[in-house]
C-alpha atoms as a PDB file:
ATOM      1  CA  UNK A   1     -17.088  78.676  40.136  1.00  0.00           C
ATOM      2  CA  UNK A   2     -19.122  78.030  37.567  1.00  0.00           C
ATOM      3  CA  UNK A   3     -19.324  80.305  34.720  1.00  0.00           C
ATOM      4  CA  UNK A   4     -21.126  80.374  31.286  1.00  0.00           C
ATOM      5  CA  UNK A   5     -21.047  77.542  28.875  1.00  0.00           C
ATOM      6  CA  UNK A   6     -19.758  80.123  26.319  1.00  0.00           C
ATOM      7  CA  UNK A   7     -16.682  80.835  28.300  1.00  0.00           C
ATOM      8  CA  UNK A   8     -15.625  77.760  29.049  1.00  0.00           C
ATOM      9  CA  UNK A   9     -13.822  76.160  26.087  1.00  0.00           C
ATOM     10  CA  UNK A  10     -11.761  72.894  25.982  1.00  0.00           C
ATOM     11  CA  UNK A  11      -8.027  73.234  26.337  1.00  0.00           C
ATOM     12  CA  UNK A  12      -8.759  76.799  27.614  1.00  0.00           C
ATOM     13  CA  UNK A  13      -5.636  77.331  29.337  1.00  0.00           C
ATOM     14  CA  UNK A  14      -7.053  79.416  32.058  1.00  0.00           C
ATOM     15  CA  UNK A  15      -9.223  75.826  32.947  1.00  0.00           C
ATOM     16  CA  UNK A  16      -6.697  73.688  32.965  1.00  0.00           C
ATOM     17  CA  UNK A  17      -3.362  75.804  34.235  1.00  0.00           C
ATOM     18  CA  UNK A  18      -2.206  74.681  37.633  1.00  0.00           C
ATOM     19  CA  UNK A  19       0.292  77.637  38.685  1.00  0.00           C
ATOM     20  CA  UNK A  20      -0.367  80.418  40.668  1.00  0.00           C
ATOM     21  CA  UNK A  21      -3.567  82.293  39.707  1.00  0.00           C
ATOM     22  CA  UNK A  22      -1.543  85.445  39.985  1.00  0.00           C
ATOM     23  CA  UNK A  23       1.890  85.957  39.457  1.00  0.00           C
ATOM     24  CA  UNK A  24       3.865  88.927  39.444  1.00  0.00           C
ATOM     25  CA  UNK A  25       7.560  89.223  38.191  1.00  0.00           C
ATOM     26  CA  UNK A  26       9.622  92.251  39.037  1.00  0.00           C
ATOM     27  CA  UNK A  27       6.858  94.612  38.258  1.00  0.00           C
ATOM     28  CA  UNK A  28       7.792  98.676  38.247  1.00  0.00           C
ATOM     29  CA  UNK A  29       5.916 101.373  37.132  1.00  0.00           C
ATOM     30  CA  UNK A  30       7.016 104.648  36.594  1.00  0.00           C
ATOM     31  CA  UNK A  31       5.044 107.999  35.782  1.00  0.00           C
ATOM     32  CA  UNK A  32       7.858 110.557  34.098  1.00  0.00           C
ATOM     33  CA  UNK A  33      10.240 110.816  37.049  1.00  0.00           C
ATOM     34  CA  UNK A  34       7.780 109.246  39.765  1.00  0.00           C
ATOM     35  CA  UNK A  35       8.000 105.881  40.562  1.00  0.00           C
ATOM     36  CA  UNK A  36       5.010 104.084  41.650  1.00  0.00           C
ATOM     37  CA  UNK A  37       5.742 100.817  42.454  1.00  0.00           C
ATOM     38  CA  UNK A  38       9.048  99.309  42.195  1.00  0.00           C
ATOM     39  CA  UNK A  39      10.327  95.868  41.575  1.00  0.00           C
ATOM     40  CA  UNK A  40       7.326  94.008  43.041  1.00  0.00           C
ATOM     41  CA  UNK A  41       7.062  89.931  42.891  1.00  0.00           C
ATOM     42  CA  UNK A  42       4.708  87.559  44.380  1.00  0.00           C
ATOM     43  CA  UNK A  43       1.961  84.826  44.072  1.00  0.00           C
ATOM     44  CA  UNK A  44      -1.169  84.280  44.645  1.00  0.00           C
ATOM     45  CA  UNK A  45      -2.494  80.304  44.561  1.00  0.00           C
ATOM     46  CA  UNK A  46      -6.067  79.543  43.632  1.00  0.00           C
ATOM     47  CA  UNK A  47      -8.645  79.510  46.482  1.00  0.00           C
ATOM     48  CA  UNK A  48      -6.267  82.516  48.249  1.00  0.00           C
ATOM     49  CA  UNK A  49      -7.703  86.001  49.719  1.00  0.00           C
ATOM     50  CA  UNK A  50      -4.649  88.170  50.013  1.00  0.00           C
ATOM     51  CA  UNK A  51      -4.675  91.206  51.348  1.00  0.00           C
ATOM     52  CA  UNK A  52      -2.381  94.261  50.662  1.00  0.00           C
ATOM     53  CA  UNK A  53      -1.742  97.217  53.175  1.00  0.00           C
ATOM     54  CA  UNK A  54       0.344  99.435  53.772  1.00  0.00           C
ATOM     55  CA  UNK A  55       1.437 103.356  53.644  1.00  0.00           C
ATOM     56  CA  UNK A  56      -0.324 105.887  52.255  1.00  0.00           C
ATOM     57  CA  UNK A  57       0.596 106.344  48.899  1.00  0.00           C
ATOM     58  CA  UNK A  58       2.682 103.246  49.225  1.00  0.00           C
ATOM     59  CA  UNK A  59       1.624 101.855  45.505  1.00  0.00           C
ATOM     60  CA  UNK A  60      -1.175  99.790  46.082  1.00  0.00           C
ATOM     61  CA  UNK A  61      -3.812 101.184  43.912  1.00  0.00           C
ATOM     62  CA  UNK A  62      -1.130 101.699  41.086  1.00  0.00           C
ATOM     63  CA  UNK A  63      -0.646  97.683  41.389  1.00  0.00           C
ATOM     64  CA  UNK A  64      -3.688  96.597  41.784  1.00  0.00           C
ATOM     65  CA  UNK A  65      -4.762  98.593  38.607  1.00  0.00           C
ATOM     66  CA  UNK A  66      -1.997  96.825  36.695  1.00  0.00           C
ATOM     67  CA  UNK A  67      -2.704  93.233  37.797  1.00  0.00           C
ATOM     68  CA  UNK A  68      -6.622  93.939  36.683  1.00  0.00           C
ATOM     69  CA  UNK A  69      -5.004  94.815  32.923  1.00  0.00           C
ATOM     70  CA  UNK A  70      -6.073  99.037  33.342  1.00  0.00           C
ATOM     71  CA  UNK A  71      -2.446  99.900  32.878  1.00  0.00           C
ATOM     72  CA  UNK A  72       0.716  97.931  31.953  1.00  0.00           C
ATOM     73  CA  UNK A  73       3.884  97.668  33.531  1.00  0.00           C
ATOM     74  CA  UNK A  74       6.563  99.812  33.022  1.00  0.00           C
ATOM     75  CA  UNK A  75       8.848  96.640  33.470  1.00  0.00           C
ATOM     76  CA  UNK A  76       8.467  92.978  34.611  1.00  0.00           C
ATOM     77  CA  UNK A  77       5.788  90.739  33.737  1.00  0.00           C
ATOM     78  CA  UNK A  78       1.942  89.790  35.373  1.00  0.00           C
ATOM     79  CA  UNK A  79       0.493  86.453  34.461  1.00  0.00           C
ATOM     80  CA  UNK A  80      -2.922  86.071  35.252  1.00  0.00           C
ATOM     81  CA  UNK A  81      -3.918  81.783  35.062  1.00  0.00           C
ATOM     82  CA  UNK A  82      -0.903  81.326  32.981  1.00  0.00           C
ATOM     83  CA  UNK A  83      -2.096  84.446  30.537  1.00  0.00           C
ATOM     84  CA  UNK A  84       0.322  87.220  29.808  1.00  0.00           C
ATOM     85  CA  UNK A  85      -1.682  90.421  31.230  1.00  0.00           C
ATOM     86  CA  UNK A  86       0.290  92.796  28.392  1.00  0.00           C
ATOM     87  CA  UNK A  87      -0.122  90.488  25.180  1.00  0.00           C
ATOM     88  CA  UNK A  88      -3.164  88.417  26.083  1.00  0.00           C
ATOM     89  CA  UNK A  89      -5.068  91.515  27.720  1.00  0.00           C
ATOM     90  CA  UNK A  90      -8.403  90.734  26.615  1.00  0.00           C
ATOM     91  CA  UNK A  91      -8.112  87.048  27.704  1.00  0.00           C
ATOM     92  CA  UNK A  92      -6.668  88.339  30.717  1.00  0.00           C
ATOM     93  CA  UNK A  93     -10.053  90.841  31.914  1.00  0.00           C
ATOM     94  CA  UNK A  94     -12.655  88.141  31.108  1.00  0.00           C
ATOM     95  CA  UNK A  95     -11.198  86.215  33.524  1.00  0.00           C
ATOM     96  CA  UNK A  96     -10.722  88.990  36.175  1.00  0.00           C
ATOM     97  CA  UNK A  97     -13.288  90.682  38.422  1.00  0.00           C
ATOM     98  CA  UNK A  98     -11.736  94.398  39.323  1.00  0.00           C
ATOM     99  CA  UNK A  99     -13.193  96.987  41.858  1.00  0.00           C
ATOM    100  CA  UNK A 100     -11.690 100.180  41.622  1.00  0.00           C
ATOM    101  CA  UNK A 101     -12.383 102.498  45.002  1.00  0.00           C
ATOM    102  CA  UNK A 102     -14.699 104.400  43.099  1.00  0.00           C
ATOM    103  CA  UNK A 103     -16.967 102.045  41.207  1.00  0.00           C
ATOM    104  CA  UNK A 104     -19.002 103.438  38.336  1.00  0.00           C
ATOM    105  CA  UNK A 105     -22.538 102.203  39.367  1.00  0.00           C
ATOM    106  CA  UNK A 106     -25.575 104.037  37.846  1.00  0.00           C
ATOM    107  CA  UNK A 107     -27.253 105.903  40.206  1.00  0.00           C
ATOM    108  CA  UNK A 108     -30.286 106.522  38.142  1.00  0.00           C
ATOM    109  CA  UNK A 109     -30.492 103.135  37.449  1.00  0.00           C
ATOM    110  CA  UNK A 110     -32.339 100.641  39.741  1.00  0.00           C
ATOM    111  CA  UNK A 111     -30.625  97.280  41.281  1.00  0.00           C
ATOM    112  CA  UNK A 112     -32.182  94.973  38.984  1.00  0.00           C
ATOM    113  CA  UNK A 113     -31.285  97.695  36.164  1.00  0.00           C
ATOM    114  CA  UNK A 114     -27.296  98.272  37.152  1.00  0.00           C
ATOM    115  CA  UNK A 115     -27.291  93.798  37.571  1.00  0.00           C
ATOM    116  CA  UNK A 116     -29.098  93.874  33.858  1.00  0.00           C
ATOM    117  CA  UNK A 117     -26.588  95.696  32.353  1.00  0.00           C
ATOM    118  CA  UNK A 118     -23.473  94.050  33.212  1.00  0.00           C
ATOM    119  CA  UNK A 119     -25.222  91.054  31.978  1.00  0.00           C
ATOM    120  CA  UNK A 120     -25.612  92.486  29.078  1.00  0.00           C
ATOM    121  CA  UNK A 121     -21.941  93.720  28.705  1.00  0.00           C
ATOM    122  CA  UNK A 122     -20.953  89.835  29.345  1.00  0.00           C
ATOM    123  CA  UNK A 123     -23.824  88.527  27.080  1.00  0.00           C
ATOM    124  CA  UNK A 124     -25.279  86.808  29.569  1.00  0.00           C
ATOM    125  CA  UNK A 125     -28.957  85.255  28.756  1.00  0.00           C
ATOM    126  CA  UNK A 126     -31.824  82.831  29.402  1.00  0.00           C
ATOM    127  CA  UNK A 127     -32.187  80.502  32.516  1.00  0.00           C
ATOM    128  CA  UNK A 128     -28.053  81.772  33.270  1.00  0.00           C
ATOM    129  CA  UNK A 129     -29.376  85.382  33.659  1.00  0.00           C
ATOM    130  CA  UNK A 130     -31.800  84.491  35.878  1.00  0.00           C
ATOM    131  CA  UNK A 131     -29.660  82.000  38.119  1.00  0.00           C
ATOM    132  CA  UNK A 132     -27.119  84.548  38.646  1.00  0.00           C
ATOM    133  CA  UNK A 133     -29.181  87.291  39.141  1.00  0.00           C
ATOM    134  CA  UNK A 134     -31.131  85.134  42.342  1.00  0.00           C
ATOM    135  CA  UNK A 135     -27.224  84.243  43.421  1.00  0.00           C
ATOM    136  CA  UNK A 136     -25.237  87.287  43.548  1.00  0.00           C
ATOM    137  CA  UNK A 137     -28.372  89.491  44.751  1.00  0.00           C
ATOM    138  CA  UNK A 138     -29.403  86.832  47.162  1.00  0.00           C
ATOM    139  CA  UNK A 139     -26.284  86.747  49.271  1.00  0.00           C
ATOM    140  CA  UNK A 140     -25.778  90.608  49.057  1.00  0.00           C
ATOM    141  CA  UNK A 141     -28.998  90.674  50.662  1.00  0.00           C
ATOM    142  CA  UNK A 142     -30.243  92.749  47.706  1.00  0.00           C
ATOM    143  CA  UNK A 143     -33.464  91.168  46.313  1.00  0.00           C
ATOM    144  CA  UNK A 144     -35.727  93.075  48.657  1.00  0.00           C
ATOM    145  CA  UNK A 145     -34.660  96.178  46.635  1.00  0.00           C
ATOM    146  CA  UNK A 146     -34.788  95.384  43.130  1.00  0.00           C
ATOM    147  CA  UNK A 147     -36.782  98.400  42.202  1.00  0.00           C
ATOM    148  CA  UNK A 148     -34.644 100.981  44.336  1.00  0.00           C
ATOM    149  CA  UNK A 149     -32.242 103.402  42.377  1.00  0.00           C
ATOM    150  CA  UNK A 150     -28.578 102.813  43.029  1.00  0.00           C
ATOM    151  CA  UNK A 151     -28.237 106.696  44.558  1.00  0.00           C
ATOM    152  CA  UNK A 152     -30.815 105.949  47.284  1.00  0.00           C
ATOM    153  CA  UNK A 153     -28.847 102.720  48.407  1.00  0.00           C
ATOM    154  CA  UNK A 154     -26.470 103.227  51.779  1.00  0.00           C
ATOM    155  CA  UNK A 155     -22.762 103.319  51.205  1.00  0.00           C
ATOM    156  CA  UNK A 156     -22.986  99.637  52.654  1.00  0.00           C
ATOM    157  CA  UNK A 157     -25.560  98.563  49.951  1.00  0.00           C
ATOM    158  CA  UNK A 158     -24.218 100.314  47.118  1.00  0.00           C
ATOM    159  CA  UNK A 159     -20.496  98.590  47.951  1.00  0.00           C
ATOM    160  CA  UNK A 160     -22.438  95.197  47.722  1.00  0.00           C
ATOM    161  CA  UNK A 161     -24.124  96.125  44.482  1.00  0.00           C
ATOM    162  CA  UNK A 162     -21.421  96.954  42.898  1.00  0.00           C
ATOM    163  CA  UNK A 163     -19.448  93.326  43.894  1.00  0.00           C
ATOM    164  CA  UNK A 164     -22.552  91.844  42.547  1.00  0.00           C
ATOM    165  CA  UNK A 165     -22.002  93.501  39.362  1.00  0.00           C
ATOM    166  CA  UNK A 166     -18.443  92.144  39.656  1.00  0.00           C
ATOM    167  CA  UNK A 167     -19.198  88.702  40.241  1.00  0.00           C
ATOM    168  CA  UNK A 168     -22.042  88.279  37.846  1.00  0.00           C
ATOM    169  CA  UNK A 169     -19.792  87.223  35.095  1.00  0.00           C
ATOM    170  CA  UNK A 170     -18.016  84.895  37.914  1.00  0.00           C
ATOM    171  CA  UNK A 171     -14.177  85.977  37.324  1.00  0.00           C
ATOM    172  CA  UNK A 172     -11.792  83.739  38.296  1.00  0.00           C
ATOM    173  CA  UNK A 173     -10.092  86.205  40.210  1.00  0.00           C
ATOM    174  CA  UNK A 174     -11.615  89.172  42.050  1.00  0.00           C
ATOM    175  CA  UNK A 175      -9.296  92.360  42.683  1.00  0.00           C
ATOM    176  CA  UNK A 176     -10.798  94.923  44.666  1.00  0.00           C
ATOM    177  CA  UNK A 177      -9.503  98.409  45.920  1.00  0.00           C
ATOM    178  CA  UNK A 178     -10.182  99.133  49.506  1.00  0.00           C
ATOM    179  CA  UNK A 179     -13.996  97.957  49.316  1.00  0.00           C
ATOM    180  CA  UNK A 180     -14.924  99.093  52.701  1.00  0.00           C
ATOM    181  CA  UNK A 181     -13.437 102.183  52.587  1.00  0.00           C
ATOM    182  CA  UNK A 182     -16.133 104.963  54.698  1.00  0.00           C
ATOM    183  CA  UNK A 183     -18.444 101.792  54.860  1.00  0.00           C
ATOM    184  CA  UNK A 184     -20.392 100.930  58.416  1.00  0.00           C
ATOM    185  CA  UNK A 185     -19.129  97.957  60.668  1.00  0.00           C
ATOM    186  CA  UNK A 186     -22.034  96.000  60.065  1.00  0.00           C
ATOM    187  CA  UNK A 187     -21.955  96.347  56.067  1.00  0.00           C
ATOM    188  CA  UNK A 188     -18.315  95.707  56.120  1.00  0.00           C
ATOM    189  CA  UNK A 189     -18.372  92.732  57.722  1.00  0.00           C
ATOM    190  CA  UNK A 190     -21.191  91.581  55.495  1.00  0.00           C
ATOM    191  CA  UNK A 191     -19.184  92.064  52.373  1.00  0.00           C
ATOM    192  CA  UNK A 192     -16.332  90.150  53.930  1.00  0.00           C
ATOM    193  CA  UNK A 193     -18.707  87.419  54.282  1.00  0.00           C
ATOM    194  CA  UNK A 194     -19.520  87.233  50.767  1.00  0.00           C
ATOM    195  CA  UNK A 195     -15.740  87.156  50.369  1.00  0.00           C
ATOM    196  CA  UNK A 196     -15.516  84.571  52.445  1.00  0.00           C
ATOM    197  CA  UNK A 197     -18.254  82.603  50.263  1.00  0.00           C
ATOM    198  CA  UNK A 198     -15.661  83.106  46.844  1.00  0.00           C
ATOM    199  CA  UNK A 199     -12.809  82.178  48.325  1.00  0.00           C
ATOM    200  CA  UNK A 200     -14.386  78.918  49.090  1.00  0.00           C
ATOM    201  CA  UNK A 201     -15.547  78.195  45.979  1.00  0.00           C
ATOM    202  CA  UNK A 202     -12.028  78.657  44.479  1.00  0.00           C
ATOM    203  CA  UNK A 203     -12.014  82.226  43.694  1.00  0.00           C
ATOM    204  CA  UNK A 204      -8.700  84.022  44.336  1.00  0.00           C
ATOM    205  CA  UNK A 205      -9.121  87.426  45.892  1.00  0.00           C
ATOM    206  CA  UNK A 206      -6.853  90.231  46.116  1.00  0.00           C
ATOM    207  CA  UNK A 207      -8.001  93.161  48.168  1.00  0.00           C
ATOM    208  CA  UNK A 208      -6.591  96.266  49.279  1.00  0.00           C
ATOM    209  CA  UNK A 209      -7.229  97.538  52.746  1.00  0.00           C
ATOM    210  CA  UNK A 210      -7.167 100.292  55.377  1.00  0.00           C
ATOM    211  CA  UNK A 211      -9.159  98.327  58.382  1.00  0.00           C
ATOM    212  CA  UNK A 212      -6.550  95.661  60.383  1.00  0.00           C
ATOM    213  CA  UNK A 213      -9.529  93.485  61.271  1.00  0.00           C
ATOM    214  CA  UNK A 214     -10.239  92.935  57.759  1.00  0.00           C
ATOM    215  CA  UNK A 215      -6.259  92.434  57.099  1.00  0.00           C
ATOM    216  CA  UNK A 216      -6.767  89.762  60.003  1.00  0.00           C
ATOM    217  CA  UNK A 217      -9.080  87.304  57.718  1.00  0.00           C
ATOM    218  CA  UNK A 218      -6.624  87.091  54.952  1.00  0.00           C
ATOM    219  CA  UNK A 219      -4.947  83.909  54.098  1.00  0.00           C
ATOM    220  CA  UNK A 220      -1.762  85.883  53.139  1.00  0.00           C
ATOM    221  CA  UNK A 221      -0.622  89.902  53.459  1.00  0.00           C
ATOM    222  CA  UNK A 222       1.408  91.874  50.911  1.00  0.00           C
ATOM    223  CA  UNK A 223       2.549  95.115  52.810  1.00  0.00           C
ATOM    224  CA  UNK A 224       3.601  97.607  51.170  1.00  0.00           C
ATOM    225  CA  UNK A 225       5.794 100.937  51.444  1.00  0.00           C
ATOM    226  CA  UNK A 226       7.062 104.057  49.226  1.00  0.00           C
ATOM    227  CA  UNK A 227       6.800 101.557  46.065  1.00  0.00           C
ATOM    228  CA  UNK A 228       8.314  98.475  47.638  1.00  0.00           C
ATOM    229  CA  UNK A 229       7.270  95.618  49.365  1.00  0.00           C
ATOM    230  CA  UNK A 230       8.152  95.389  52.911  1.00  0.00           C
ATOM    231  CA  UNK A 231       7.008  91.574  53.586  1.00  0.00           C
ATOM    232  CA  UNK A 232       4.794  88.765  52.542  1.00  0.00           C
ATOM    233  CA  UNK A 233       3.394  86.797  55.213  1.00  0.00           C
ATOM    234  CA  UNK A 234       0.116  85.621  56.873  1.00  0.00           C
ATOM    235  CA  UNK A 235      -1.448  87.897  59.284  1.00  0.00           C
ATOM    236  CA  UNK A 236      -0.048  85.901  62.307  1.00  0.00           C
ATOM    237  CA  UNK A 237       3.661  85.777  60.926  1.00  0.00           C
ATOM    238  CA  UNK A 238       3.654  89.512  60.417  1.00  0.00           C
ATOM    239  CA  UNK A 239       1.816  90.347  63.997  1.00  0.00           C
ATOM    240  CA  UNK A 240       4.779  87.808  65.732  1.00  0.00           C
ATOM    241  CA  UNK A 241       6.062  89.655  68.901  1.00  0.00           C
ATOM    242  CA  UNK A 242       3.253  92.640  69.083  1.00  0.00           C
ATOM    243  CA  UNK A 243      -0.073  93.467  70.159  1.00  0.00           C
ATOM    244  CA  UNK A 244      -1.961  93.643  67.379  1.00  0.00           C
ATOM    245  CA  UNK A 245      -1.142  93.757  63.901  1.00  0.00           C
ATOM    246  CA  UNK A 246      -0.923  97.941  62.733  1.00  0.00           C
ATOM    247  CA  UNK A 247       1.515  98.128  65.631  1.00  0.00           C
ATOM    248  CA  UNK A 248       3.651  95.525  63.680  1.00  0.00           C
ATOM    249  CA  UNK A 249       3.278  97.156  60.271  1.00  0.00           C
ATOM    250  CA  UNK A 250       4.047 100.776  61.324  1.00  0.00           C
ATOM    251  CA  UNK A 251       7.269  99.546  63.470  1.00  0.00           C
ATOM    252  CA  UNK A 252       7.908  97.769  60.201  1.00  0.00           C
ATOM    253  CA  UNK A 253       7.823 101.130  58.112  1.00  0.00           C
ATOM    254  CA  UNK A 254       9.593 103.031  61.042  1.00  0.00           C
ATOM    255  CA  UNK A 255      12.338 100.861  60.621  1.00  0.00           C
ATOM    256  CA  UNK A 256      12.783 101.259  57.042  1.00  0.00           C
ATOM    257  CA  UNK A 257      12.419 105.118  57.480  1.00  0.00           C
ATOM    258  CA  UNK A 258      14.595 104.962  60.458  1.00  0.00           C
ATOM    259  CA  UNK A 259      12.101 107.732  61.931  1.00  0.00           C
ATOM    260  CA  UNK A 260      10.096 108.085  65.025  1.00  0.00           C
ATOM    261  CA  UNK A 261       6.619 108.721  63.027  1.00  0.00           C
ATOM    262  CA  UNK A 262       3.644 107.016  63.550  1.00  0.00           C
ATOM    263  CA  UNK A 263       2.779 106.019  60.179  1.00  0.00           C
ATOM    264  CA  UNK A 264      -0.482 105.714  58.731  1.00  0.00           C
ATOM    265  CA  UNK A 265      -2.174 103.020  56.642  1.00  0.00           C
ATOM    266  CA  UNK A 266      -4.932 103.896  53.302  1.00  0.00           C
ATOM    267  CA  UNK A 267      -4.827 104.312  49.440  1.00  0.00           C
END
């Protein structure tokens, strides 16, 4: 990705860092007596699309919020491009694009006005502003709808606009929490086409999903259950010996629980 010149400083550690872009080491998060995430460790390299999947209430959203710098871990450490996620939180947030499950578009603003608002936040001006508007609304297929209010968009178009607003500051790391939940299949496919393009350009992407067809598109998967990581592997490795990815995951969860329940996936 090419960012604005004012953010690319010589010697910037995020630009020369050669290690994993996301590094999570023995991270736990407690809310009172509740342990939402327990001793989680993994790495995501540059240009990898990593999927986060698992049972309802597994801790996926909490983990993503910690990596995005929204909440601190109770213990353990998180590094983004070599930067400490707690001590260097402001620097990290410049390099991360985070899209929560309920992304805050302004419903009474148009498509163009929503994007302009985010470009104002990041101080994007001049010709760079025009370039990014054309680029991110262009491949989101939203240029014909510049004057349409966000509240009048379909669910799929809202999600693509949300993604465009997140991408406009051209982050190194993209963190998405079930971005296509409830979106129609065609819009889901278009959304993932955008992610594939970002991955090809070297962006590191961590995305939670409840759809196993989306899980198949990931280079690696992290399977969570009851606040723990059960497996980190490619979709093919996890599915090995099972007819599909969902059956493989349910079997793995049942083995941990030692129950005959069906299991479910979600946030």
